Amino acid sequence: MTCECGAELISDAAYCLSCGRKHAIGCGVYVSEKRVHVRIFGKRGFEGFSLKRYDEDISIRNLYEILGERIYFSRVEEIVVSGENSELIEEGVENLKNSLYPFEISVSDVFETPEEFFDKLERVLRVKKELKTVNTLPEDKIHGSHSTIIGGREGYNLILSLAKSPFVKKVVPGVIEGNATSIGGGVKLKLTRSDEKGNIRALLIDGSSVQQVHVITTASNRGEGEEVLKLLRGYVRDIQD
């Protein structure tokens, strides 16, 4: 692998010490009872390694310090952690945060095998890399002739959570159905599906009132739209939890 500056790199995901270019687009860490697997994805390929895991506290701490150093060497800014169960995922996140702050570390679902997790993560990372982004302020992305958003401030914040995504161009609140009264239980935002153009339909729900929400994304087809949909569900889940 050769960097754009002409320097030789040890892998497709390596950081160039000569010119400071970053080639890694993301990193996956999968924690099992016996080993911790790491895969760092570059623009075309990836580099991977794994280390044996022991149950002793000191061994675990040393393990993640070594992993953190090797991940940091690639200057990868997005790290996603998965594992065989939620306890192992939590272990990975907490230990990596200590050694890789302030890098972004996020949590994935439980996967049965590292290969299943890495295949899924690679698809998401490469779609994100190909998608265009927009830098408009989130509040300036909210458009439409329907100025009323059900659920008051809570409803507005849920709509705003969608607009914060760099892959969203516009969020358009639409028609309100129902009697526009709340019966308690909180406001919910449900993302339903992507259309053939990559745009997403959502429903804002407050009691018996339901408001259609149209999310215009930078995706150009249904496949890209489905990947953006998964990312937006993560944003919404974080704010609603």
C-alpha atoms as a PDB file:
ATOM      1  CA  MET A   1       0.000   0.000   0.000  1.00  0.00           C
ATOM      2  CA  THR A   2       1.353   3.408  -0.993  1.00  0.00           C
ATOM      3  CA  CYS A   3       0.125   6.714   0.430  1.00  0.00           C
ATOM      4  CA  GLU A   4      -0.837   9.600  -1.835  1.00  0.00           C
ATOM      5  CA  CYS A   5       2.430  11.268  -0.816  1.00  0.00           C
ATOM      6  CA  GLY A   6       4.427   8.263  -2.054  1.00  0.00           C
ATOM      7  CA  ALA A   7       5.320   6.787   1.345  1.00  0.00           C
ATOM      8  CA  GLU A   8       4.972   3.051   1.842  1.00  0.00           C
ATOM      9  CA  LEU A   9       2.268   1.961   4.317  1.00  0.00           C
ATOM     10  CA  ILE A  10       2.067  -1.320   6.225  1.00  0.00           C
ATOM     11  CA  SER A  11      -1.621  -1.731   5.389  1.00  0.00           C
ATOM     12  CA  ASP A  12      -4.561  -0.123   3.600  1.00  0.00           C
ATOM     13  CA  ALA A  13      -5.769   1.308   6.934  1.00  0.00           C
ATOM     14  CA  ALA A  14      -2.434   2.647   8.198  1.00  0.00           C
ATOM     15  CA  TYR A  15      -1.778   6.239   9.236  1.00  0.00           C
ATOM     16  CA  CYS A  16       0.933   7.913   7.179  1.00  0.00           C
ATOM     17  CA  LEU A  17       3.719   9.189   9.414  1.00  0.00           C
ATOM     18  CA  SER A  18       5.229  11.125   6.511  1.00  0.00           C
ATOM     19  CA  CYS A  19       2.302  13.367   5.575  1.00  0.00           C
ATOM     20  CA  GLY A  20      -0.263  12.753   8.332  1.00  0.00           C
ATOM     21  CA  ARG A  21      -2.980  11.322   6.081  1.00  0.00           C
ATOM     22  CA  LYS A  22      -5.580   9.020   7.684  1.00  0.00           C
ATOM     23  CA  HIS A  23      -6.602   5.966   5.662  1.00  0.00           C
ATOM     24  CA  ALA A  24      -8.792   4.143   8.200  1.00  0.00           C
ATOM     25  CA  ILE A  25     -12.549   4.670   7.864  1.00  0.00           C
ATOM     26  CA  GLY A  26     -13.614   2.737  10.970  1.00  0.00           C
ATOM     27  CA  CYS A  27     -12.752  -0.004  13.421  1.00  0.00           C
ATOM     28  CA  GLY A  28     -14.681  -2.930  14.859  1.00  0.00           C
ATOM     29  CA  VAL A  29     -13.893  -4.639  18.174  1.00  0.00           C
ATOM     30  CA  TYR A  30     -15.552  -7.956  18.985  1.00  0.00           C
ATOM     31  CA  VAL A  31     -15.218  -9.331  22.527  1.00  0.00           C
ATOM     32  CA  SER A  32     -15.654 -13.051  23.181  1.00  0.00           C
ATOM     33  CA  GLU A  33     -14.923 -15.087  26.277  1.00  0.00           C
ATOM     34  CA  LYS A  34     -11.617 -16.337  24.873  1.00  0.00           C
ATOM     35  CA  ARG A  35     -10.360 -13.621  22.496  1.00  0.00           C
ATOM     36  CA  VAL A  36     -10.840  -9.988  21.516  1.00  0.00           C
ATOM     37  CA  HIS A  37     -10.931  -9.529  17.736  1.00  0.00           C
ATOM     38  CA  VAL A  38     -10.128  -6.223  16.012  1.00  0.00           C
ATOM     39  CA  ARG A  39     -10.610  -5.237  12.391  1.00  0.00           C
ATOM     40  CA  ILE A  40      -9.561  -1.800  11.100  1.00  0.00           C
ATOM     41  CA  PHE A  41     -11.109  -0.924   7.766  1.00  0.00           C
ATOM     42  CA  GLY A  42      -9.318   1.135   5.138  1.00  0.00           C
ATOM     43  CA  LYS A  43     -10.658   2.717   1.976  1.00  0.00           C
ATOM     44  CA  ARG A  44     -10.365  -0.583   0.095  1.00  0.00           C
ATOM     45  CA  GLY A  45      -9.287  -3.364   2.459  1.00  0.00           C
ATOM     46  CA  PHE A  46      -8.695  -3.943   6.144  1.00  0.00           C
ATOM     47  CA  GLU A  47      -6.191  -5.163   8.710  1.00  0.00           C
ATOM     48  CA  GLY A  48      -7.168  -7.513  11.508  1.00  0.00           C
ATOM     49  CA  PHE A  49      -5.741  -9.154  14.589  1.00  0.00           C
ATOM     50  CA  SER A  50      -6.889 -10.770  17.822  1.00  0.00           C
ATOM     51  CA  LEU A  51      -5.524 -11.221  21.330  1.00  0.00           C
ATOM     52  CA  LYS A  52      -6.267 -13.876  23.922  1.00  0.00           C
ATOM     53  CA  ARG A  53      -8.526 -12.767  26.755  1.00  0.00           C
ATOM     54  CA  TYR A  54      -8.088 -13.832  30.392  1.00  0.00           C
ATOM     55  CA  ASP A  55     -10.569 -13.223  33.212  1.00  0.00           C
ATOM     56  CA  GLU A  56      -8.123 -11.605  35.642  1.00  0.00           C
ATOM     57  CA  ASP A  57      -8.648  -7.847  36.073  1.00  0.00           C
ATOM     58  CA  ILE A  58      -4.996  -6.977  35.519  1.00  0.00           C
ATOM     59  CA  SER A  59      -4.832  -9.105  32.359  1.00  0.00           C
ATOM     60  CA  ILE A  60      -8.002  -7.500  30.985  1.00  0.00           C
ATOM     61  CA  ARG A  61      -6.681  -4.002  31.687  1.00  0.00           C
ATOM     62  CA  ASN A  62      -3.354  -4.795  30.016  1.00  0.00           C
ATOM     63  CA  LEU A  63      -5.162  -6.372  27.064  1.00  0.00           C
ATOM     64  CA  TYR A  64      -7.166  -3.231  26.315  1.00  0.00           C
ATOM     65  CA  GLU A  65      -4.149  -0.982  26.774  1.00  0.00           C
ATOM     66  CA  ILE A  66      -2.369  -2.964  24.045  1.00  0.00           C
ATOM     67  CA  LEU A  67      -5.478  -2.883  21.829  1.00  0.00           C
ATOM     68  CA  GLY A  68      -5.841   0.847  22.383  1.00  0.00           C
ATOM     69  CA  GLU A  69      -2.241   1.500  21.321  1.00  0.00           C
ATOM     70  CA  ARG A  70      -2.618  -0.542  18.134  1.00  0.00           C
ATOM     71  CA  ILE A  71      -5.942   1.089  17.239  1.00  0.00           C
ATOM     72  CA  TYR A  72      -4.572   4.564  17.963  1.00  0.00           C
ATOM     73  CA  PHE A  73      -1.683   3.954  15.574  1.00  0.00           C
ATOM     74  CA  SER A  74      -4.190   4.042  12.694  1.00  0.00           C
ATOM     75  CA  ARG A  75      -5.774   7.282  14.037  1.00  0.00           C
ATOM     76  CA  VAL A  76      -9.183   5.727  13.383  1.00  0.00           C
ATOM     77  CA  GLU A  77     -11.894   8.066  14.679  1.00  0.00           C
ATOM     78  CA  GLU A  78     -14.898   5.709  14.779  1.00  0.00           C
ATOM     79  CA  ILE A  79     -14.790   2.514  16.846  1.00  0.00           C
ATOM     80  CA  VAL A  80     -17.756   0.157  17.185  1.00  0.00           C
ATOM     81  CA  VAL A  81     -17.824  -2.549  19.863  1.00  0.00           C
ATOM     82  CA  SER A  82     -19.773  -5.813  19.736  1.00  0.00           C
ATOM     83  CA  GLY A  83     -19.450  -9.184  21.452  1.00  0.00           C
ATOM     84  CA  GLU A  84     -20.981 -12.485  22.476  1.00  0.00           C
ATOM     85  CA  ASN A  85     -23.141 -10.846  25.139  1.00  0.00           C
ATOM     86  CA  SER A  86     -23.967  -7.439  26.582  1.00  0.00           C
ATOM     87  CA  GLU A  87     -21.600  -7.845  29.556  1.00  0.00           C
ATOM     88  CA  LEU A  88     -18.611  -8.418  27.276  1.00  0.00           C
ATOM     89  CA  ILE A  89     -19.623  -5.463  25.102  1.00  0.00           C
ATOM     90  CA  GLU A  90     -19.793  -3.250  28.194  1.00  0.00           C
ATOM     91  CA  GLU A  91     -16.331  -4.473  29.231  1.00  0.00           C
ATOM     92  CA  GLY A  92     -14.928  -3.516  25.836  1.00  0.00           C
ATOM     93  CA  VAL A  93     -16.516  -0.074  25.753  1.00  0.00           C
ATOM     94  CA  GLU A  94     -15.475   0.912  29.260  1.00  0.00           C
ATOM     95  CA  ASN A  95     -11.871  -0.223  28.856  1.00  0.00           C
ATOM     96  CA  LEU A  96     -11.413   1.275  25.397  1.00  0.00           C
ATOM     97  CA  LYS A  97     -12.823   4.612  26.534  1.00  0.00           C
ATOM     98  CA  ASN A  98     -10.038   4.777  29.112  1.00  0.00           C
ATOM     99  CA  SER A  99      -7.293   4.209  26.536  1.00  0.00           C
ATOM    100  CA  LEU A 100      -8.762   5.897  23.432  1.00  0.00           C
ATOM    101  CA  TYR A 101     -10.398   9.086  24.735  1.00  0.00           C
ATOM    102  CA  PRO A 102     -11.555  11.284  22.949  1.00  0.00           C
ATOM    103  CA  PHE A 103     -12.125   8.901  20.011  1.00  0.00           C
ATOM    104  CA  GLU A 104     -15.771   8.081  19.286  1.00  0.00           C
ATOM    105  CA  ILE A 105     -16.719   4.655  20.650  1.00  0.00           C
ATOM    106  CA  SER A 106     -20.200   3.301  20.002  1.00  0.00           C
ATOM    107  CA  VAL A 107     -22.067   0.123  20.927  1.00  0.00           C
ATOM    108  CA  SER A 108     -23.426  -2.433  18.480  1.00  0.00           C
ATOM    109  CA  ASP A 109     -25.839  -5.306  18.980  1.00  0.00           C
ATOM    110  CA  VAL A 110     -24.782  -8.760  20.154  1.00  0.00           C
ATOM    111  CA  PHE A 111     -23.526 -10.998  17.319  1.00  0.00           C
ATOM    112  CA  GLU A 112     -22.862 -14.724  17.479  1.00  0.00           C
ATOM    113  CA  THR A 113     -19.545 -14.554  15.608  1.00  0.00           C
ATOM    114  CA  PRO A 114     -16.950 -11.860  14.879  1.00  0.00           C
ATOM    115  CA  GLU A 115     -17.258 -12.527  11.144  1.00  0.00           C
ATOM    116  CA  GLU A 116     -20.978 -11.733  11.199  1.00  0.00           C
ATOM    117  CA  PHE A 117     -20.324  -8.477  13.054  1.00  0.00           C
ATOM    118  CA  PHE A 118     -17.390  -7.380  10.864  1.00  0.00           C
ATOM    119  CA  ASP A 119     -19.282  -8.096   7.618  1.00  0.00           C
ATOM    120  CA  LYS A 120     -22.222  -6.004   8.795  1.00  0.00           C
ATOM    121  CA  LEU A 121     -20.015  -3.175  10.051  1.00  0.00           C
ATOM    122  CA  GLU A 122     -17.987  -3.031   6.843  1.00  0.00           C
ATOM    123  CA  ARG A 123     -21.147  -2.592   4.756  1.00  0.00           C
ATOM    124  CA  VAL A 124     -22.301   0.279   6.973  1.00  0.00           C
ATOM    125  CA  LEU A 125     -18.910   2.020   7.008  1.00  0.00           C
ATOM    126  CA  ARG A 126     -18.503   1.855   3.244  1.00  0.00           C
ATOM    127  CA  VAL A 127     -22.007   3.185   2.614  1.00  0.00           C
ATOM    128  CA  LYS A 128     -21.334   6.057   5.034  1.00  0.00           C
ATOM    129  CA  LYS A 129     -18.064   6.791   3.231  1.00  0.00           C
ATOM    130  CA  GLU A 130     -19.816   6.992  -0.142  1.00  0.00           C
ATOM    131  CA  LEU A 131     -22.769   9.089   1.011  1.00  0.00           C
ATOM    132  CA  LYS A 132     -22.679  12.846   0.659  1.00  0.00           C
ATOM    133  CA  THR A 133     -22.988  14.922   3.816  1.00  0.00           C
ATOM    134  CA  VAL A 134     -24.543  18.315   4.526  1.00  0.00           C
ATOM    135  CA  ASN A 135     -23.305  20.884   7.029  1.00  0.00           C
ATOM    136  CA  THR A 136     -26.546  22.827   7.515  1.00  0.00           C
ATOM    137  CA  LEU A 137     -27.542  23.595  11.105  1.00  0.00           C
ATOM    138  CA  PRO A 138     -30.089  20.995  12.338  1.00  0.00           C
ATOM    139  CA  GLU A 139     -32.781  23.596  13.099  1.00  0.00           C
ATOM    140  CA  ASP A 140     -32.432  24.997   9.544  1.00  0.00           C
ATOM    141  CA  LYS A 141     -33.227  21.559   8.071  1.00  0.00           C
ATOM    142  CA  ILE A 142     -36.806  21.542   9.410  1.00  0.00           C
ATOM    143  CA  HIS A 143     -39.135  22.667   6.611  1.00  0.00           C
ATOM    144  CA  GLY A 144     -42.701  22.322   5.388  1.00  0.00           C
ATOM    145  CA  SER A 145     -46.028  24.111   5.404  1.00  0.00           C
ATOM    146  CA  HIS A 146     -47.145  22.334   8.588  1.00  0.00           C
ATOM    147  CA  SER A 147     -45.615  24.505  11.306  1.00  0.00           C
ATOM    148  CA  THR A 148     -47.277  22.540  14.142  1.00  0.00           C
ATOM    149  CA  ILE A 149     -45.290  19.624  15.590  1.00  0.00           C
ATOM    150  CA  ILE A 150     -47.208  17.430  18.014  1.00  0.00           C
ATOM    151  CA  GLY A 151     -45.730  16.635  21.400  1.00  0.00           C
ATOM    152  CA  GLY A 152     -44.503  20.169  22.101  1.00  0.00           C
ATOM    153  CA  ARG A 153     -40.836  20.521  22.980  1.00  0.00           C
ATOM    154  CA  GLU A 154     -40.408  16.746  23.287  1.00  0.00           C
ATOM    155  CA  GLY A 155     -41.755  16.204  19.792  1.00  0.00           C
ATOM    156  CA  TYR A 156     -39.557  18.965  18.394  1.00  0.00           C
ATOM    157  CA  ASN A 157     -36.445  17.456  20.003  1.00  0.00           C
ATOM    158  CA  LEU A 158     -37.181  14.090  18.402  1.00  0.00           C
ATOM    159  CA  ILE A 159     -37.529  15.753  15.000  1.00  0.00           C
ATOM    160  CA  LEU A 160     -34.327  17.673  15.656  1.00  0.00           C
ATOM    161  CA  SER A 161     -32.476  14.429  16.462  1.00  0.00           C
ATOM    162  CA  LEU A 162     -33.080  13.340  12.860  1.00  0.00           C
ATOM    163  CA  ALA A 163     -31.896  16.688  11.500  1.00  0.00           C
ATOM    164  CA  LYS A 164     -28.580  16.339  13.363  1.00  0.00           C
ATOM    165  CA  SER A 165     -27.494  13.545  11.034  1.00  0.00           C
ATOM    166  CA  PRO A 166     -25.045  14.723   8.337  1.00  0.00           C
ATOM    167  CA  PHE A 167     -26.890  12.416   5.911  1.00  0.00           C
ATOM    168  CA  VAL A 168     -30.199  14.281   6.306  1.00  0.00           C
ATOM    169  CA  LYS A 169     -30.928  17.271   4.057  1.00  0.00           C
ATOM    170  CA  LYS A 170     -34.446  18.132   5.225  1.00  0.00           C
ATOM    171  CA  VAL A 171     -37.034  17.006   7.769  1.00  0.00           C
ATOM    172  CA  VAL A 172     -40.589  17.879   6.746  1.00  0.00           C
ATOM    173  CA  PRO A 173     -43.370  17.463   9.354  1.00  0.00           C
ATOM    174  CA  GLY A 174     -46.606  16.619   7.559  1.00  0.00           C
ATOM    175  CA  VAL A 175     -50.255  15.887   8.142  1.00  0.00           C
ATOM    176  CA  ILE A 176     -51.566  15.320  11.673  1.00  0.00           C
ATOM    177  CA  GLU A 177     -54.138  12.582  12.163  1.00  0.00           C
ATOM    178  CA  GLY A 178     -56.227  11.980  15.279  1.00  0.00           C
ATOM    179  CA  ASN A 179     -57.699  14.387  17.787  1.00  0.00           C
ATOM    180  CA  ALA A 180     -54.435  16.210  18.641  1.00  0.00           C
ATOM    181  CA  THR A 181     -54.722  15.427  22.340  1.00  0.00           C
ATOM    182  CA  SER A 182     -52.172  13.676  24.513  1.00  0.00           C
ATOM    183  CA  ILE A 183     -53.149  10.821  26.804  1.00  0.00           C
ATOM    184  CA  GLY A 184     -49.765  10.540  28.501  1.00  0.00           C
ATOM    185  CA  GLY A 185     -47.021   8.000  28.082  1.00  0.00           C
ATOM    186  CA  GLY A 186     -44.630  10.292  26.257  1.00  0.00           C
ATOM    187  CA  VAL A 187     -43.994  11.153  22.636  1.00  0.00           C
ATOM    188  CA  LYS A 188     -42.536   8.514  20.328  1.00  0.00           C
ATOM    189  CA  LEU A 189     -40.862   8.738  16.941  1.00  0.00           C
ATOM    190  CA  LYS A 190     -41.108   5.658  14.742  1.00  0.00           C
ATOM    191  CA  LEU A 191     -39.015   5.323  11.592  1.00  0.00           C
ATOM    192  CA  THR A 192     -40.800   3.074   9.124  1.00  0.00           C
ATOM    193  CA  ARG A 193     -39.055   2.564   5.790  1.00  0.00           C
ATOM    194  CA  SER A 194     -36.947   3.971   2.978  1.00  0.00           C
ATOM    195  CA  ASP A 195     -38.466   4.648  -0.442  1.00  0.00           C
ATOM    196  CA  GLU A 196     -36.846   3.924  -3.799  1.00  0.00           C
ATOM    197  CA  LYS A 197     -35.097   7.321  -3.783  1.00  0.00           C
ATOM    198  CA  GLY A 198     -33.492   6.757  -0.380  1.00  0.00           C
ATOM    199  CA  ASN A 199     -35.779   9.080   1.564  1.00  0.00           C
ATOM    200  CA  ILE A 200     -37.345   7.909   4.821  1.00  0.00           C
ATOM    201  CA  ARG A 201     -40.857   7.993   6.227  1.00  0.00           C
ATOM    202  CA  ALA A 202     -41.445   8.383   9.949  1.00  0.00           C
ATOM    203  CA  LEU A 203     -44.343   8.797  12.365  1.00  0.00           C
ATOM    204  CA  LEU A 204     -44.396  11.118  15.379  1.00  0.00           C
ATOM    205  CA  ILE A 205     -46.876   9.716  17.900  1.00  0.00           C
ATOM    206  CA  ASP A 206     -48.373  11.520  20.886  1.00  0.00           C
ATOM    207  CA  GLY A 207     -51.296   9.688  22.454  1.00  0.00           C
ATOM    208  CA  SER A 208     -54.003   9.362  19.800  1.00  0.00           C
ATOM    209  CA  SER A 209     -52.303  11.893  17.506  1.00  0.00           C
ATOM    210  CA  VAL A 210     -50.027  10.754  14.704  1.00  0.00           C
ATOM    211  CA  GLN A 211     -48.002  13.076  12.484  1.00  0.00           C
ATOM    212  CA  GLN A 212     -46.319  12.002   9.270  1.00  0.00           C
ATOM    213  CA  VAL A 213     -42.690  13.053   8.945  1.00  0.00           C
ATOM    214  CA  HIS A 214     -40.731  12.996   5.675  1.00  0.00           C
ATOM    215  CA  VAL A 215     -36.943  12.747   5.958  1.00  0.00           C
ATOM    216  CA  ILE A 216     -35.024  13.779   2.840  1.00  0.00           C
ATOM    217  CA  THR A 217     -31.579  12.151   2.894  1.00  0.00           C
ATOM    218  CA  THR A 218     -28.405  12.248   0.817  1.00  0.00           C
ATOM    219  CA  ALA A 219     -28.990   8.616  -0.222  1.00  0.00           C
ATOM    220  CA  SER A 220     -29.657   8.007  -3.918  1.00  0.00           C
ATOM    221  CA  ASN A 221     -31.443   4.637  -3.774  1.00  0.00           C
ATOM    222  CA  ARG A 222     -33.318   2.282  -1.456  1.00  0.00           C
ATOM    223  CA  GLY A 223     -30.180   0.355  -0.427  1.00  0.00           C
ATOM    224  CA  GLU A 224     -28.370   3.481   0.720  1.00  0.00           C
ATOM    225  CA  GLY A 225     -31.580   4.722   2.314  1.00  0.00           C
ATOM    226  CA  GLU A 226     -31.881   1.550   4.382  1.00  0.00           C
ATOM    227  CA  GLU A 227     -28.375   2.100   5.770  1.00  0.00           C
ATOM    228  CA  VAL A 228     -29.209   5.712   6.650  1.00  0.00           C
ATOM    229  CA  LEU A 229     -32.401   4.412   8.265  1.00  0.00           C
ATOM    230  CA  LYS A 230     -30.367   2.145  10.562  1.00  0.00           C
ATOM    231  CA  LEU A 231     -28.154   5.067  11.585  1.00  0.00           C
ATOM    232  CA  LEU A 232     -31.153   7.287  12.306  1.00  0.00           C
ATOM    233  CA  ARG A 233     -32.761   4.572  14.409  1.00  0.00           C
ATOM    234  CA  GLY A 234     -29.638   4.684  16.547  1.00  0.00           C
ATOM    235  CA  TYR A 235     -29.992   8.461  17.004  1.00  0.00           C
ATOM    236  CA  VAL A 236     -33.659   8.094  17.939  1.00  0.00           C
ATOM    237  CA  ARG A 237     -33.014   5.164  20.288  1.00  0.00           C
ATOM    238  CA  ASP A 238     -30.369   7.172  22.145  1.00  0.00           C
ATOM    239  CA  ILE A 239     -32.661  10.150  22.735  1.00  0.00           C
ATOM    240  CA  GLN A 240     -35.703   8.038  23.644  1.00  0.00           C
ATOM    241  CA  ASP A 241     -33.904   5.684  26.065  1.00  0.00           C
END
